N, C-alpha and C. Protein backbone atom coordinates (compact mmCIF):
# COMPACT_ATOMS: atom_id res chain seq x y z
N UNK A 1 -36.69 38.93 -90.88
CA UNK A 1 -36.53 38.69 -89.47
C UNK A 1 -37.31 39.76 -88.69
N UNK A 2 -38.07 39.30 -87.71
CA UNK A 2 -38.88 40.22 -86.91
C UNK A 2 -38.04 40.78 -85.77
N UNK A 3 -38.33 42.03 -85.46
CA UNK A 3 -37.67 42.69 -84.36
C UNK A 3 -38.32 42.27 -83.05
N UNK A 4 -37.49 41.93 -82.05
CA UNK A 4 -38.01 41.45 -80.77
C UNK A 4 -38.40 42.64 -79.89
N UNK A 5 -39.54 42.53 -79.22
CA UNK A 5 -39.98 43.57 -78.32
C UNK A 5 -40.22 42.96 -76.94
N UNK A 6 -39.88 43.74 -75.87
CA UNK A 6 -40.13 43.27 -74.51
C UNK A 6 -38.90 42.66 -73.88
N UNK A 7 -39.13 42.02 -72.72
CA UNK A 7 -38.05 41.42 -71.93
C UNK A 7 -38.07 39.91 -72.09
N UNK A 8 -36.90 39.35 -71.95
CA UNK A 8 -36.85 37.89 -71.89
C UNK A 8 -37.17 37.46 -70.46
N UNK A 9 -37.43 36.19 -70.29
CA UNK A 9 -37.75 35.67 -68.97
C UNK A 9 -36.58 35.83 -68.01
N UNK A 10 -35.38 35.64 -68.49
CA UNK A 10 -34.19 35.77 -67.63
C UNK A 10 -34.03 37.22 -67.16
N UNK A 11 -34.22 38.17 -68.05
CA UNK A 11 -34.12 39.58 -67.65
C UNK A 11 -35.17 39.94 -66.59
N UNK A 12 -36.35 39.42 -66.77
CA UNK A 12 -37.42 39.68 -65.81
C UNK A 12 -37.09 39.10 -64.43
N UNK A 13 -36.57 37.88 -64.40
CA UNK A 13 -36.20 37.24 -63.14
C UNK A 13 -35.08 38.02 -62.46
N UNK A 14 -34.08 38.46 -63.21
CA UNK A 14 -32.96 39.22 -62.64
C UNK A 14 -33.46 40.53 -62.03
N UNK A 15 -34.34 41.23 -62.71
CA UNK A 15 -34.88 42.48 -62.18
C UNK A 15 -35.68 42.24 -60.91
N UNK A 16 -36.47 41.18 -60.87
CA UNK A 16 -37.26 40.87 -59.67
C UNK A 16 -36.35 40.54 -58.50
N UNK A 17 -35.28 39.79 -58.75
CA UNK A 17 -34.33 39.46 -57.68
C UNK A 17 -33.65 40.72 -57.15
N UNK A 18 -33.24 41.60 -58.03
CA UNK A 18 -32.58 42.85 -57.60
C UNK A 18 -33.55 43.70 -56.79
N UNK A 19 -34.79 43.81 -57.23
CA UNK A 19 -35.79 44.58 -56.47
C UNK A 19 -36.06 43.94 -55.12
N UNK A 20 -36.07 42.62 -55.06
CA UNK A 20 -36.27 41.93 -53.79
C UNK A 20 -35.14 42.21 -52.81
N UNK A 21 -33.91 42.17 -53.29
CA UNK A 21 -32.75 42.47 -52.44
C UNK A 21 -32.81 43.90 -51.94
N UNK A 22 -33.14 44.84 -52.81
CA UNK A 22 -33.26 46.24 -52.39
C UNK A 22 -34.36 46.42 -51.36
N UNK A 23 -35.47 45.75 -51.56
CA UNK A 23 -36.59 45.88 -50.61
C UNK A 23 -36.21 45.33 -49.24
N UNK A 24 -35.51 44.22 -49.21
CA UNK A 24 -35.13 43.61 -47.93
C UNK A 24 -34.14 44.48 -47.18
N UNK A 25 -33.23 45.14 -47.89
CA UNK A 25 -32.22 45.96 -47.21
C UNK A 25 -32.72 47.37 -46.91
N UNK A 26 -33.58 47.93 -47.74
CA UNK A 26 -33.99 49.32 -47.55
C UNK A 26 -35.26 49.47 -46.71
N UNK A 27 -36.16 48.53 -46.76
CA UNK A 27 -37.45 48.66 -46.07
C UNK A 27 -37.32 48.86 -44.57
N UNK A 28 -36.47 48.13 -43.86
CA UNK A 28 -36.38 48.35 -42.41
C UNK A 28 -35.95 49.77 -42.04
N UNK A 29 -35.21 50.43 -42.91
CA UNK A 29 -34.79 51.79 -42.61
C UNK A 29 -35.97 52.76 -42.70
N UNK A 30 -36.91 52.46 -43.56
CA UNK A 30 -38.06 53.34 -43.74
C UNK A 30 -39.23 52.93 -42.85
N UNK A 31 -39.32 51.68 -42.54
CA UNK A 31 -40.42 51.18 -41.71
C UNK A 31 -39.82 50.66 -40.41
N UNK A 32 -39.75 51.53 -39.42
CA UNK A 32 -39.16 51.17 -38.13
C UNK A 32 -40.26 50.69 -37.20
N UNK A 33 -40.74 49.48 -37.44
CA UNK A 33 -41.87 48.96 -36.66
C UNK A 33 -41.50 48.73 -35.21
N UNK A 34 -40.32 48.21 -34.95
CA UNK A 34 -39.94 47.92 -33.57
C UNK A 34 -39.80 49.22 -32.77
N UNK A 35 -39.17 50.23 -33.36
CA UNK A 35 -39.04 51.52 -32.68
C UNK A 35 -40.39 52.15 -32.40
N UNK A 36 -41.29 52.05 -33.39
CA UNK A 36 -42.65 52.58 -33.19
C UNK A 36 -43.38 51.83 -32.09
N UNK A 37 -43.15 50.53 -32.00
CA UNK A 37 -43.79 49.73 -30.95
C UNK A 37 -43.28 50.15 -29.57
N UNK A 38 -41.96 50.36 -29.44
CA UNK A 38 -41.42 50.82 -28.16
C UNK A 38 -41.99 52.18 -27.79
N UNK A 39 -42.06 53.08 -28.76
CA UNK A 39 -42.58 54.42 -28.49
C UNK A 39 -44.05 54.36 -28.06
N UNK A 40 -44.85 53.55 -28.74
CA UNK A 40 -46.26 53.41 -28.38
C UNK A 40 -46.42 52.83 -26.98
N UNK A 41 -45.57 51.88 -26.64
CA UNK A 41 -45.62 51.28 -25.31
C UNK A 41 -45.28 52.31 -24.24
N UNK A 42 -44.28 53.16 -24.52
CA UNK A 42 -43.92 54.21 -23.58
C UNK A 42 -45.05 55.23 -23.43
N UNK A 43 -45.71 55.56 -24.53
CA UNK A 43 -46.86 56.48 -24.46
C UNK A 43 -47.99 55.86 -23.63
N UNK A 44 -48.20 54.55 -23.77
CA UNK A 44 -49.20 53.86 -22.97
C UNK A 44 -48.85 53.86 -21.49
N UNK A 45 -47.56 53.65 -21.19
CA UNK A 45 -47.12 53.69 -19.80
C UNK A 45 -47.29 55.09 -19.22
N UNK A 46 -47.01 56.11 -20.03
CA UNK A 46 -47.19 57.49 -19.58
C UNK A 46 -48.66 57.73 -19.21
N UNK A 47 -49.57 57.29 -20.07
CA UNK A 47 -51.01 57.47 -19.79
C UNK A 47 -51.41 56.70 -18.53
N UNK A 48 -50.87 55.51 -18.36
CA UNK A 48 -51.18 54.72 -17.15
C UNK A 48 -50.67 55.42 -15.90
N UNK A 49 -49.47 55.99 -15.99
CA UNK A 49 -48.89 56.69 -14.85
C UNK A 49 -49.69 57.94 -14.51
N UNK A 50 -50.14 58.66 -15.53
CA UNK A 50 -50.97 59.84 -15.29
C UNK A 50 -52.29 59.44 -14.62
N UNK A 51 -52.90 58.37 -15.10
CA UNK A 51 -54.15 57.90 -14.50
C UNK A 51 -53.95 57.44 -13.06
N UNK A 52 -52.86 56.70 -12.83
CA UNK A 52 -52.57 56.24 -11.47
C UNK A 52 -52.33 57.42 -10.55
N UNK A 53 -51.63 58.43 -11.05
CA UNK A 53 -51.36 59.61 -10.24
C UNK A 53 -52.64 60.37 -9.89
N UNK A 54 -53.57 60.40 -10.81
CA UNK A 54 -54.86 61.04 -10.53
C UNK A 54 -55.58 60.32 -9.40
N UNK A 55 -55.56 58.99 -9.46
CA UNK A 55 -56.22 58.20 -8.41
C UNK A 55 -55.49 58.35 -7.07
N UNK A 56 -54.16 58.34 -7.11
CA UNK A 56 -53.39 58.50 -5.86
C UNK A 56 -53.65 59.88 -5.27
N UNK A 57 -53.71 60.91 -6.12
CA UNK A 57 -53.98 62.26 -5.60
C UNK A 57 -55.37 62.31 -4.96
N UNK A 58 -56.35 61.66 -5.60
CA UNK A 58 -57.70 61.63 -5.03
C UNK A 58 -57.70 60.97 -3.65
N UNK A 59 -57.00 59.83 -3.56
CA UNK A 59 -56.90 59.14 -2.26
C UNK A 59 -56.17 60.01 -1.24
N UNK A 60 -55.11 60.69 -1.68
CA UNK A 60 -54.34 61.56 -0.77
C UNK A 60 -55.21 62.70 -0.26
N UNK A 61 -56.02 63.28 -1.14
CA UNK A 61 -56.90 64.38 -0.74
C UNK A 61 -57.93 63.91 0.28
N UNK A 62 -58.47 62.73 0.07
CA UNK A 62 -59.45 62.17 1.02
C UNK A 62 -58.80 61.95 2.38
N UNK A 63 -57.53 61.52 2.36
CA UNK A 63 -56.81 61.24 3.61
C UNK A 63 -56.11 62.47 4.17
N UNK A 64 -56.25 63.63 3.50
CA UNK A 64 -55.64 64.87 3.98
C UNK A 64 -54.13 64.93 3.80
N UNK A 65 -53.61 64.25 2.79
CA UNK A 65 -52.16 64.19 2.58
C UNK A 65 -51.68 64.95 1.35
N UNK A 66 -52.57 65.71 0.71
CA UNK A 66 -52.20 66.36 -0.54
C UNK A 66 -51.19 67.50 -0.37
N UNK A 67 -50.95 67.95 0.85
CA UNK A 67 -49.98 69.03 1.07
C UNK A 67 -48.70 68.54 1.74
N UNK A 68 -48.63 67.25 2.04
CA UNK A 68 -47.43 66.68 2.67
C UNK A 68 -46.38 66.38 1.61
N UNK A 69 -45.12 66.75 1.92
CA UNK A 69 -44.06 66.46 0.95
C UNK A 69 -43.52 65.03 1.09
N UNK A 70 -43.93 64.33 2.13
CA UNK A 70 -43.50 62.94 2.31
C UNK A 70 -44.59 62.18 3.04
N UNK A 71 -45.60 61.75 2.29
CA UNK A 71 -46.73 61.05 2.89
C UNK A 71 -46.80 59.60 2.44
N UNK A 72 -47.69 58.86 3.06
CA UNK A 72 -47.96 57.48 2.68
C UNK A 72 -49.46 57.36 2.46
N UNK A 73 -49.86 57.08 1.22
CA UNK A 73 -51.26 57.01 0.85
C UNK A 73 -51.72 55.56 0.86
N UNK A 74 -52.76 55.29 1.63
CA UNK A 74 -53.35 53.95 1.68
C UNK A 74 -54.26 53.79 0.47
N UNK A 75 -53.98 52.77 -0.35
CA UNK A 75 -54.77 52.55 -1.55
C UNK A 75 -56.03 51.74 -1.30
N UNK A 76 -56.19 51.24 -0.09
CA UNK A 76 -57.42 50.56 0.26
C UNK A 76 -57.43 49.06 0.00
N UNK A 77 -56.45 48.55 -0.70
CA UNK A 77 -56.41 47.11 -0.97
C UNK A 77 -55.20 46.47 -0.30
N UNK A 78 -54.96 46.85 0.91
CA UNK A 78 -53.82 46.41 1.74
C UNK A 78 -52.48 46.84 1.16
N UNK A 79 -52.49 47.80 0.24
CA UNK A 79 -51.22 48.34 -0.26
C UNK A 79 -51.21 49.85 -0.08
N UNK A 80 -50.02 50.39 -0.05
CA UNK A 80 -49.86 51.83 0.09
C UNK A 80 -48.67 52.28 -0.74
N UNK A 81 -48.64 53.56 -1.04
CA UNK A 81 -47.56 54.15 -1.83
C UNK A 81 -47.08 55.42 -1.15
N UNK A 82 -45.83 55.76 -1.40
CA UNK A 82 -45.30 57.02 -0.89
C UNK A 82 -45.76 58.15 -1.80
N UNK A 83 -46.11 59.27 -1.17
CA UNK A 83 -46.58 60.40 -1.97
C UNK A 83 -45.77 61.66 -1.67
N UNK A 84 -45.77 62.54 -2.63
CA UNK A 84 -45.14 63.85 -2.50
C UNK A 84 -46.15 64.86 -3.00
N UNK A 85 -46.67 65.67 -2.09
CA UNK A 85 -47.72 66.65 -2.40
C UNK A 85 -48.91 65.97 -3.09
N UNK A 86 -49.23 64.77 -2.63
CA UNK A 86 -50.39 64.04 -3.12
C UNK A 86 -50.14 63.14 -4.31
N UNK A 87 -49.01 63.31 -4.98
CA UNK A 87 -48.70 62.51 -6.16
C UNK A 87 -47.65 61.46 -5.82
N UNK A 88 -47.52 60.47 -6.67
CA UNK A 88 -46.55 59.40 -6.45
C UNK A 88 -45.13 59.94 -6.32
N UNK A 89 -44.38 59.40 -5.37
CA UNK A 89 -42.95 59.70 -5.31
C UNK A 89 -42.26 58.93 -6.43
N UNK A 90 -40.97 59.22 -6.62
CA UNK A 90 -40.27 58.58 -7.74
C UNK A 90 -39.49 57.34 -7.33
N UNK A 91 -39.93 56.65 -6.28
CA UNK A 91 -39.23 55.42 -5.89
C UNK A 91 -39.85 54.22 -6.61
N UNK A 92 -39.04 53.22 -6.85
CA UNK A 92 -39.46 52.05 -7.63
C UNK A 92 -40.62 51.31 -6.98
N UNK A 93 -40.61 51.21 -5.66
CA UNK A 93 -41.66 50.45 -4.97
C UNK A 93 -43.03 51.10 -5.17
N UNK A 94 -43.11 52.41 -5.00
CA UNK A 94 -44.40 53.10 -5.18
C UNK A 94 -44.89 53.00 -6.62
N UNK A 95 -43.98 53.20 -7.58
CA UNK A 95 -44.37 53.13 -8.99
C UNK A 95 -44.81 51.71 -9.36
N UNK A 96 -44.08 50.72 -8.89
CA UNK A 96 -44.43 49.33 -9.19
C UNK A 96 -45.78 48.97 -8.58
N UNK A 97 -46.04 49.42 -7.36
CA UNK A 97 -47.31 49.13 -6.70
C UNK A 97 -48.47 49.83 -7.40
N UNK A 98 -48.32 51.11 -7.69
CA UNK A 98 -49.42 51.87 -8.30
C UNK A 98 -49.73 51.41 -9.71
N UNK A 99 -48.70 51.05 -10.47
CA UNK A 99 -48.90 50.66 -11.87
C UNK A 99 -49.00 49.15 -12.06
N UNK A 100 -48.75 48.40 -10.99
CA UNK A 100 -48.72 46.94 -11.06
C UNK A 100 -47.78 46.47 -12.17
N UNK A 101 -46.56 47.01 -12.15
CA UNK A 101 -45.56 46.68 -13.17
C UNK A 101 -44.86 45.36 -12.85
N UNK A 102 -44.51 44.63 -13.89
CA UNK A 102 -43.67 43.45 -13.77
C UNK A 102 -42.24 43.91 -14.02
N UNK A 103 -41.50 44.17 -12.94
CA UNK A 103 -40.14 44.68 -13.09
C UNK A 103 -39.11 43.57 -13.26
N UNK A 104 -39.57 42.35 -13.39
CA UNK A 104 -38.65 41.24 -13.65
C UNK A 104 -38.55 40.97 -15.14
N UNK A 105 -39.68 40.90 -15.82
CA UNK A 105 -39.70 40.50 -17.22
C UNK A 105 -40.04 41.61 -18.21
N UNK A 106 -40.71 42.67 -17.76
CA UNK A 106 -41.22 43.66 -18.71
C UNK A 106 -40.61 45.04 -18.58
N UNK A 107 -40.42 45.53 -17.37
CA UNK A 107 -39.98 46.91 -17.17
C UNK A 107 -38.80 46.98 -16.22
N UNK A 108 -37.98 48.01 -16.42
CA UNK A 108 -36.89 48.32 -15.50
C UNK A 108 -37.06 49.76 -15.04
N UNK A 109 -36.67 50.01 -13.79
CA UNK A 109 -36.81 51.35 -13.21
C UNK A 109 -35.45 51.78 -12.68
N UNK A 110 -35.02 52.97 -13.11
CA UNK A 110 -33.80 53.59 -12.57
C UNK A 110 -34.27 54.75 -11.72
N UNK A 111 -34.13 54.61 -10.40
CA UNK A 111 -34.66 55.62 -9.48
C UNK A 111 -33.91 56.93 -9.59
N UNK A 112 -34.67 58.02 -9.39
CA UNK A 112 -34.07 59.34 -9.31
C UNK A 112 -33.50 59.57 -7.93
N UNK A 113 -33.11 60.79 -7.66
CA UNK A 113 -32.50 61.13 -6.38
C UNK A 113 -33.50 60.94 -5.24
N UNK A 114 -32.97 60.61 -4.08
CA UNK A 114 -33.81 60.38 -2.90
C UNK A 114 -34.58 61.63 -2.48
N UNK A 115 -34.06 62.82 -2.83
CA UNK A 115 -34.76 64.05 -2.45
C UNK A 115 -35.89 64.40 -3.44
N UNK A 116 -36.18 63.50 -4.38
CA UNK A 116 -37.29 63.64 -5.32
C UNK A 116 -37.08 64.76 -6.34
N UNK A 117 -35.85 65.27 -6.48
CA UNK A 117 -35.62 66.40 -7.36
C UNK A 117 -35.30 65.99 -8.79
N UNK A 118 -34.96 64.75 -9.02
CA UNK A 118 -34.62 64.30 -10.37
C UNK A 118 -35.57 63.21 -10.83
N UNK A 119 -35.54 62.99 -12.12
CA UNK A 119 -36.48 62.05 -12.73
C UNK A 119 -36.12 60.60 -12.45
N UNK A 120 -37.15 59.80 -12.37
CA UNK A 120 -36.99 58.35 -12.37
C UNK A 120 -37.22 57.90 -13.80
N UNK A 121 -36.39 56.99 -14.26
CA UNK A 121 -36.46 56.53 -15.64
C UNK A 121 -37.09 55.14 -15.67
N UNK A 122 -38.09 54.98 -16.52
CA UNK A 122 -38.73 53.68 -16.73
C UNK A 122 -38.50 53.28 -18.18
N UNK A 123 -38.04 52.06 -18.40
CA UNK A 123 -37.85 51.59 -19.76
C UNK A 123 -38.20 50.11 -19.87
N UNK A 124 -38.48 49.70 -21.10
CA UNK A 124 -38.94 48.34 -21.34
C UNK A 124 -37.75 47.40 -21.48
N UNK A 125 -37.86 46.21 -20.91
CA UNK A 125 -36.82 45.20 -21.06
C UNK A 125 -36.68 44.88 -22.55
N UNK A 126 -35.46 44.87 -23.05
CA UNK A 126 -35.21 44.59 -24.46
C UNK A 126 -35.15 45.82 -25.33
N UNK A 127 -35.54 46.97 -24.80
CA UNK A 127 -35.46 48.20 -25.59
C UNK A 127 -34.01 48.65 -25.69
N UNK A 128 -33.71 49.52 -26.64
CA UNK A 128 -32.32 49.96 -26.81
C UNK A 128 -31.89 51.03 -25.81
N UNK A 129 -32.60 51.19 -24.69
CA UNK A 129 -32.25 52.22 -23.71
C UNK A 129 -30.86 52.01 -23.14
N UNK A 130 -30.13 53.11 -22.99
CA UNK A 130 -28.87 53.13 -22.24
C UNK A 130 -28.67 54.57 -21.77
N UNK A 131 -27.56 54.82 -21.11
CA UNK A 131 -27.32 56.19 -20.63
C UNK A 131 -27.13 57.16 -21.79
N UNK A 132 -26.84 56.65 -22.98
CA UNK A 132 -26.64 57.52 -24.14
C UNK A 132 -27.74 57.40 -25.19
N UNK A 133 -28.60 56.39 -25.07
CA UNK A 133 -29.68 56.18 -26.03
C UNK A 133 -31.02 56.41 -25.33
N UNK A 134 -31.79 57.37 -25.85
CA UNK A 134 -33.06 57.73 -25.22
C UNK A 134 -34.19 56.87 -25.77
N UNK A 135 -34.71 55.99 -24.93
CA UNK A 135 -35.89 55.18 -25.26
C UNK A 135 -36.56 54.85 -23.93
N UNK A 136 -37.12 55.88 -23.30
CA UNK A 136 -37.61 55.71 -21.94
C UNK A 136 -38.65 56.76 -21.58
N UNK A 137 -39.26 56.57 -20.41
CA UNK A 137 -40.18 57.54 -19.83
C UNK A 137 -39.52 58.11 -18.59
N UNK A 138 -39.47 59.43 -18.50
CA UNK A 138 -38.92 60.08 -17.31
C UNK A 138 -40.07 60.66 -16.50
N UNK A 139 -40.09 60.32 -15.22
CA UNK A 139 -41.13 60.81 -14.31
C UNK A 139 -40.48 61.60 -13.19
N UNK A 140 -40.90 62.85 -13.05
CA UNK A 140 -40.44 63.69 -11.95
C UNK A 140 -41.65 64.05 -11.10
N UNK A 141 -41.63 63.75 -9.81
CA UNK A 141 -42.79 64.05 -8.96
C UNK A 141 -42.98 65.56 -8.77
N UNK A 142 -44.13 65.92 -8.23
CA UNK A 142 -44.43 67.32 -7.93
C UNK A 142 -43.36 67.89 -7.00
N UNK A 143 -42.98 69.15 -7.24
CA UNK A 143 -41.92 69.79 -6.45
C UNK A 143 -42.46 70.80 -5.45
N UNK A 144 -43.78 71.06 -5.50
CA UNK A 144 -44.38 72.01 -4.55
C UNK A 144 -45.85 71.65 -4.36
N UNK A 145 -46.49 72.32 -3.41
CA UNK A 145 -47.90 72.03 -3.11
C UNK A 145 -48.77 72.23 -4.34
N UNK A 146 -48.54 73.28 -5.10
CA UNK A 146 -49.34 73.55 -6.29
C UNK A 146 -48.72 73.01 -7.56
N UNK A 147 -47.58 72.35 -7.45
CA UNK A 147 -46.89 71.82 -8.62
C UNK A 147 -47.50 70.52 -9.11
N UNK A 148 -47.17 70.19 -10.33
CA UNK A 148 -47.63 68.95 -10.93
C UNK A 148 -46.43 68.08 -11.30
N UNK A 149 -46.62 66.78 -11.32
CA UNK A 149 -45.53 65.92 -11.78
C UNK A 149 -45.32 66.10 -13.29
N UNK A 150 -44.14 65.75 -13.76
CA UNK A 150 -43.86 65.83 -15.20
C UNK A 150 -43.60 64.43 -15.74
N UNK A 151 -44.05 64.22 -16.96
CA UNK A 151 -43.91 62.95 -17.66
C UNK A 151 -43.29 63.25 -19.01
N UNK A 152 -42.16 62.67 -19.32
CA UNK A 152 -41.49 62.95 -20.59
C UNK A 152 -41.12 61.64 -21.27
N UNK A 153 -41.71 61.41 -22.45
CA UNK A 153 -41.33 60.24 -23.24
C UNK A 153 -40.16 60.65 -24.12
N UNK A 154 -39.07 59.93 -24.00
CA UNK A 154 -37.89 60.17 -24.83
C UNK A 154 -37.72 58.95 -25.74
N UNK A 155 -38.08 59.11 -27.00
CA UNK A 155 -38.10 57.96 -27.91
C UNK A 155 -37.22 58.16 -29.14
N UNK A 156 -36.29 59.10 -29.09
CA UNK A 156 -35.43 59.34 -30.23
C UNK A 156 -34.54 58.14 -30.56
N UNK A 157 -34.18 57.37 -29.55
CA UNK A 157 -33.29 56.25 -29.77
C UNK A 157 -33.98 54.91 -29.94
N UNK A 158 -35.29 54.89 -29.95
CA UNK A 158 -36.02 53.61 -30.04
C UNK A 158 -35.88 52.97 -31.41
């Protein structure tokens, strides 16, 4: 009688099924594609906001509003935005106008304090953002004539 070497077909199928089940349950924990997509989108929004702020500051400087703590910058296309020391204020209307955001289907904005001292939070519709889960962009306008706005992507909860 010859000694058998190797696996039977049934053993091979069982091992493949077990590996498939493990891959389906473990892979999402290691490959967080949706969270990475939310983070990348927030980074893109941050870059767009920085670019828009550069353009708004340029327009404000041309119009002599870069030192006003509460100005209105004419963008030249029949729209205007509120500015603080030449940069965008943290109100939803100015941010939506400057960035051309779709706040119905794509983005939500939680405004900061009216005195411009706290951050405005921008997050994507469908993201896991909440008051306890960080998956958002925080924008704080300039606080002084020589100050700069701050942009903080918080993606730990994405």
